[in-house]
Amino acid sequence: MKILIISDSHCFNDKLERITKKYSNQVDMFIHCGDSSLSINDPLLSIFDIVVKGNHDNDDFPHYITYQNICVTHGQYYHVYAGYNELIKLCQQEQCNICLHGHTHVPTYQIHNNIHFINPGSIMMNRGSYGYGTYAIMTLTHHNINVEFYNSETDEVCHQNIIDEGYELLEEFKKYAK
């Protein structure tokens, strides 16, 4: 199963539409991890199988949704800047071993307590030195999870140094969030 994961599009609707059209016949599922800043009935969100509420969303999207073993949330309700402790509890409660979230505008893939945490970053722009947004595609097979991050302007695969920089930023955020 191939899943397109987007977060924090913040009304950058041209990018959102371009990316979803590009993958309309290439992925099995579309997930938006919040902060679309669109209404719940907006046609741009109609392609998404799951959409959750971000801190910049006014409509009544759910705070989280579970699908099979995947928990989807934005992150602000679980204080992701301080780490994953609250999301670990949610995932354990919901019996999920994959958590997709946004909020930090930092693309990352981490494993804590045997739970895979994937943040696609923001298609608008991420925090970091490279100056562009990202999205992710997760491919699930029977025994494997593969995640690729893509530049939201060029659709090129992101280099590992972008992800490494994200880990460093999140560690800095943790110091200030406590």
Protein backbone atom coordinates (compact mmCIF):
# COMPACT_ATOMS: atom_id res chain seq x y z
CA MET A 1 0.00 0.00 0.00
CA LYS A 2 1.29 3.45 -0.98
CA ILE A 3 0.15 6.48 1.04
CA LEU A 4 0.71 10.14 0.18
CA ILE A 5 1.16 12.12 3.40
CA ILE A 6 0.76 15.91 3.42
CA SER A 7 0.62 18.36 6.28
CA ASP A 8 0.62 22.07 6.97
CA SER A 9 -0.45 23.23 3.52
CA HIS A 10 -1.80 26.49 5.03
CA CYS A 11 -3.84 27.51 1.96
CA PHE A 12 -0.95 26.93 -0.44
CA ASN A 13 -3.70 25.47 -2.57
CA ASP A 14 -1.84 25.53 -5.88
CA LYS A 15 0.82 23.22 -4.42
CA LEU A 16 -1.78 21.04 -2.73
CA GLU A 17 -3.75 20.63 -5.94
CA ARG A 18 -0.66 20.00 -8.07
CA ILE A 19 0.71 17.33 -5.74
CA THR A 20 -2.61 15.50 -5.33
CA LYS A 21 -3.21 15.52 -9.10
CA LYS A 22 0.29 14.20 -9.72
CA TYR A 23 -0.30 11.20 -7.47
CA SER A 24 -4.00 10.62 -8.17
CA ASN A 25 -3.27 7.32 -9.96
CA GLN A 26 -0.03 6.45 -8.19
CA VAL A 27 -1.00 6.01 -4.54
CA ASP A 28 -3.67 4.01 -2.72
CA MET A 29 -4.48 6.55 -0.02
CA PHE A 30 -4.24 10.29 0.66
CA ILE A 31 -3.72 11.61 4.20
CA HIS A 32 -3.64 15.23 5.36
CA CYS A 33 -2.20 15.68 8.86
CA GLY A 34 -3.86 19.05 9.49
CA ASP A 35 -3.43 22.77 8.95
CA SER A 36 -4.92 22.81 5.50
CA SER A 37 -6.68 26.03 6.59
CA LEU A 38 -9.57 24.92 4.38
CA SER A 39 -13.18 24.19 5.22
CA ILE A 40 -14.18 20.59 5.79
CA ASN A 41 -16.19 20.61 2.52
CA ASP A 42 -13.53 22.22 0.35
CA PRO A 43 -13.19 20.33 -2.97
CA LEU A 44 -9.38 20.25 -2.58
CA LEU A 45 -9.82 17.97 0.43
CA SER A 46 -12.23 15.60 -1.31
CA ILE A 47 -9.41 13.36 -2.57
CA PHE A 48 -8.14 12.79 0.99
CA ASP A 49 -9.16 9.62 2.78
CA ILE A 50 -8.19 11.09 6.15
CA VAL A 51 -7.97 14.74 7.26
CA VAL A 52 -7.40 15.82 10.87
CA LYS A 53 -7.61 19.16 12.65
CA GLY A 54 -4.56 21.37 12.89
CA ASN A 55 -4.15 24.46 15.03
CA HIS A 56 -4.96 26.68 12.01
CA ASP A 57 -8.10 24.78 11.01
CA ASN A 58 -11.43 26.31 12.02
CA ASP A 59 -13.80 23.53 10.98
CA ASP A 60 -14.63 20.54 13.13
CA PHE A 61 -12.10 18.00 11.86
CA PRO A 62 -11.28 15.18 14.31
CA HIS A 63 -8.19 15.59 16.52
CA TYR A 64 -7.02 12.15 15.48
CA ILE A 65 -8.17 9.22 13.39
CA THR A 66 -7.00 5.63 13.50
CA TYR A 67 -7.01 3.47 10.41
CA GLN A 68 -5.92 -0.13 10.90
CA ASN A 69 -2.62 0.26 12.81
CA ILE A 70 -2.06 3.91 11.78
CA CYS A 71 -2.83 6.91 13.99
CA VAL A 72 -3.14 10.25 12.20
CA THR A 73 -3.06 13.55 14.10
CA HIS A 74 -1.64 17.03 13.76
CA GLY A 75 0.50 17.09 16.88
CA GLN A 76 -0.38 20.22 18.79
CA TYR A 77 -2.80 18.39 21.09
CA TYR A 78 0.03 16.02 22.04
CA HIS A 79 2.82 18.60 22.49
CA VAL A 80 5.13 17.19 19.79
CA TYR A 81 7.62 20.02 20.24
CA ALA A 82 8.43 18.49 23.63
CA GLY A 83 8.80 14.97 22.18
CA TYR A 84 6.64 11.95 21.52
CA ASN A 85 5.64 10.86 25.05
CA GLU A 86 1.99 11.86 24.68
CA LEU A 87 1.73 10.43 21.17
CA ILE A 88 3.28 7.17 22.38
CA LYS A 89 0.48 6.89 24.95
CA LEU A 90 -2.17 7.65 22.30
CA CYS A 91 -0.71 5.08 19.90
CA GLN A 92 -0.49 2.44 22.62
CA GLN A 93 -4.09 3.17 23.65
CA GLU A 94 -5.24 2.86 20.02
CA GLN A 95 -2.94 -0.13 19.33
CA CYS A 96 -1.14 1.65 16.49
CA ASN A 97 2.46 1.11 15.49
CA ILE A 98 2.54 3.96 12.95
CA CYS A 99 1.81 7.62 13.77
CA LEU A 100 1.52 10.26 11.05
CA HIS A 101 1.58 13.87 12.23
CA GLY A 102 2.49 17.43 11.30
CA HIS A 103 2.71 20.72 13.22
CA THR A 104 6.50 21.18 13.47
CA HIS A 105 7.16 21.89 9.77
CA VAL A 106 10.09 19.46 10.04
CA PRO A 107 10.15 16.26 7.93
CA THR A 108 11.19 13.32 10.10
CA TYR A 109 10.94 9.58 10.42
CA GLN A 110 11.71 8.26 13.88
CA ILE A 111 11.00 5.10 15.85
CA HIS A 112 10.23 5.25 19.58
CA ASN A 113 8.83 2.37 21.64
CA ASN A 114 8.44 0.35 18.41
CA ILE A 115 6.14 3.05 16.98
CA HIS A 116 7.06 4.65 13.65
CA PHE A 117 6.56 8.45 13.76
CA ILE A 118 6.40 10.11 10.36
CA ASN A 119 6.04 13.85 9.85
CA PRO A 120 5.93 14.84 6.15
CA GLY A 121 6.92 18.43 6.95
CA SER A 122 4.98 21.31 5.42
CA ILE A 123 4.30 21.65 1.71
CA MET A 124 4.37 25.43 2.33
CA MET A 125 7.88 25.71 3.80
CA ASN A 126 9.80 23.88 6.47
CA ARG A 127 11.92 25.14 9.29
CA GLY A 128 15.48 24.58 8.20
CA SER A 129 18.25 26.03 6.09
CA TYR A 130 17.08 24.62 2.75
CA GLY A 131 14.05 26.89 2.21
CA TYR A 132 11.42 24.62 0.66
CA GLY A 133 8.48 22.47 1.70
CA THR A 134 8.13 18.70 1.69
CA TYR A 135 5.64 15.85 1.60
CA ALA A 136 6.10 12.11 2.07
CA ILE A 137 5.12 8.83 0.51
CA MET A 138 4.98 5.81 2.77
CA THR A 139 5.01 2.36 1.21
CA LEU A 140 3.77 -0.48 3.41
CA THR A 141 4.47 -4.11 2.65
CA HIS A 142 3.95 -7.16 4.88
CA HIS A 143 7.14 -6.63 6.87
CA ASN A 144 8.49 -3.26 5.77
CA ILE A 145 7.80 0.45 6.05
CA ASN A 146 9.56 2.66 3.52
CA VAL A 147 9.29 6.44 3.67
CA GLU A 148 10.53 8.89 1.03
CA PHE A 149 10.41 12.66 1.45
CA TYR A 150 9.96 14.94 -1.56
CA ASN A 151 10.56 18.60 -2.35
CA SER A 152 7.07 20.11 -2.69
CA GLU A 153 8.14 22.34 -5.59
CA THR A 154 10.22 19.96 -7.72
CA ASP A 155 9.00 16.54 -6.52
CA GLU A 156 12.63 15.46 -6.22
CA VAL A 157 13.55 13.05 -3.42
CA CYS A 158 15.05 14.88 -0.44
CA HIS A 159 18.63 14.10 0.50
CA GLN A 160 19.32 12.53 3.88
CA ASN A 161 20.99 15.75 5.10
CA ILE A 162 17.53 17.43 5.07
CA ILE A 163 16.18 14.73 7.40
CA ASP A 164 19.30 14.87 9.59
CA GLU A 165 18.92 18.64 9.94
CA GLY A 166 15.32 18.05 11.00
CA TYR A 167 16.38 15.75 13.84
CA GLU A 168 18.77 18.43 15.08
CA LEU A 169 16.03 21.09 14.97
CA LEU A 170 13.61 18.89 16.90
CA GLU A 171 16.22 18.32 19.62
CA GLU A 172 16.60 22.10 19.92
CA PHE A 173 12.82 22.52 20.10
CA LYS A 174 12.65 20.01 22.97
CA LYS A 175 15.01 22.15 25.06
CA TYR A 176 12.73 25.16 24.76
CA ALA A 177 9.41 23.31 24.97
CA LYS A 178 10.00 21.90 28.46
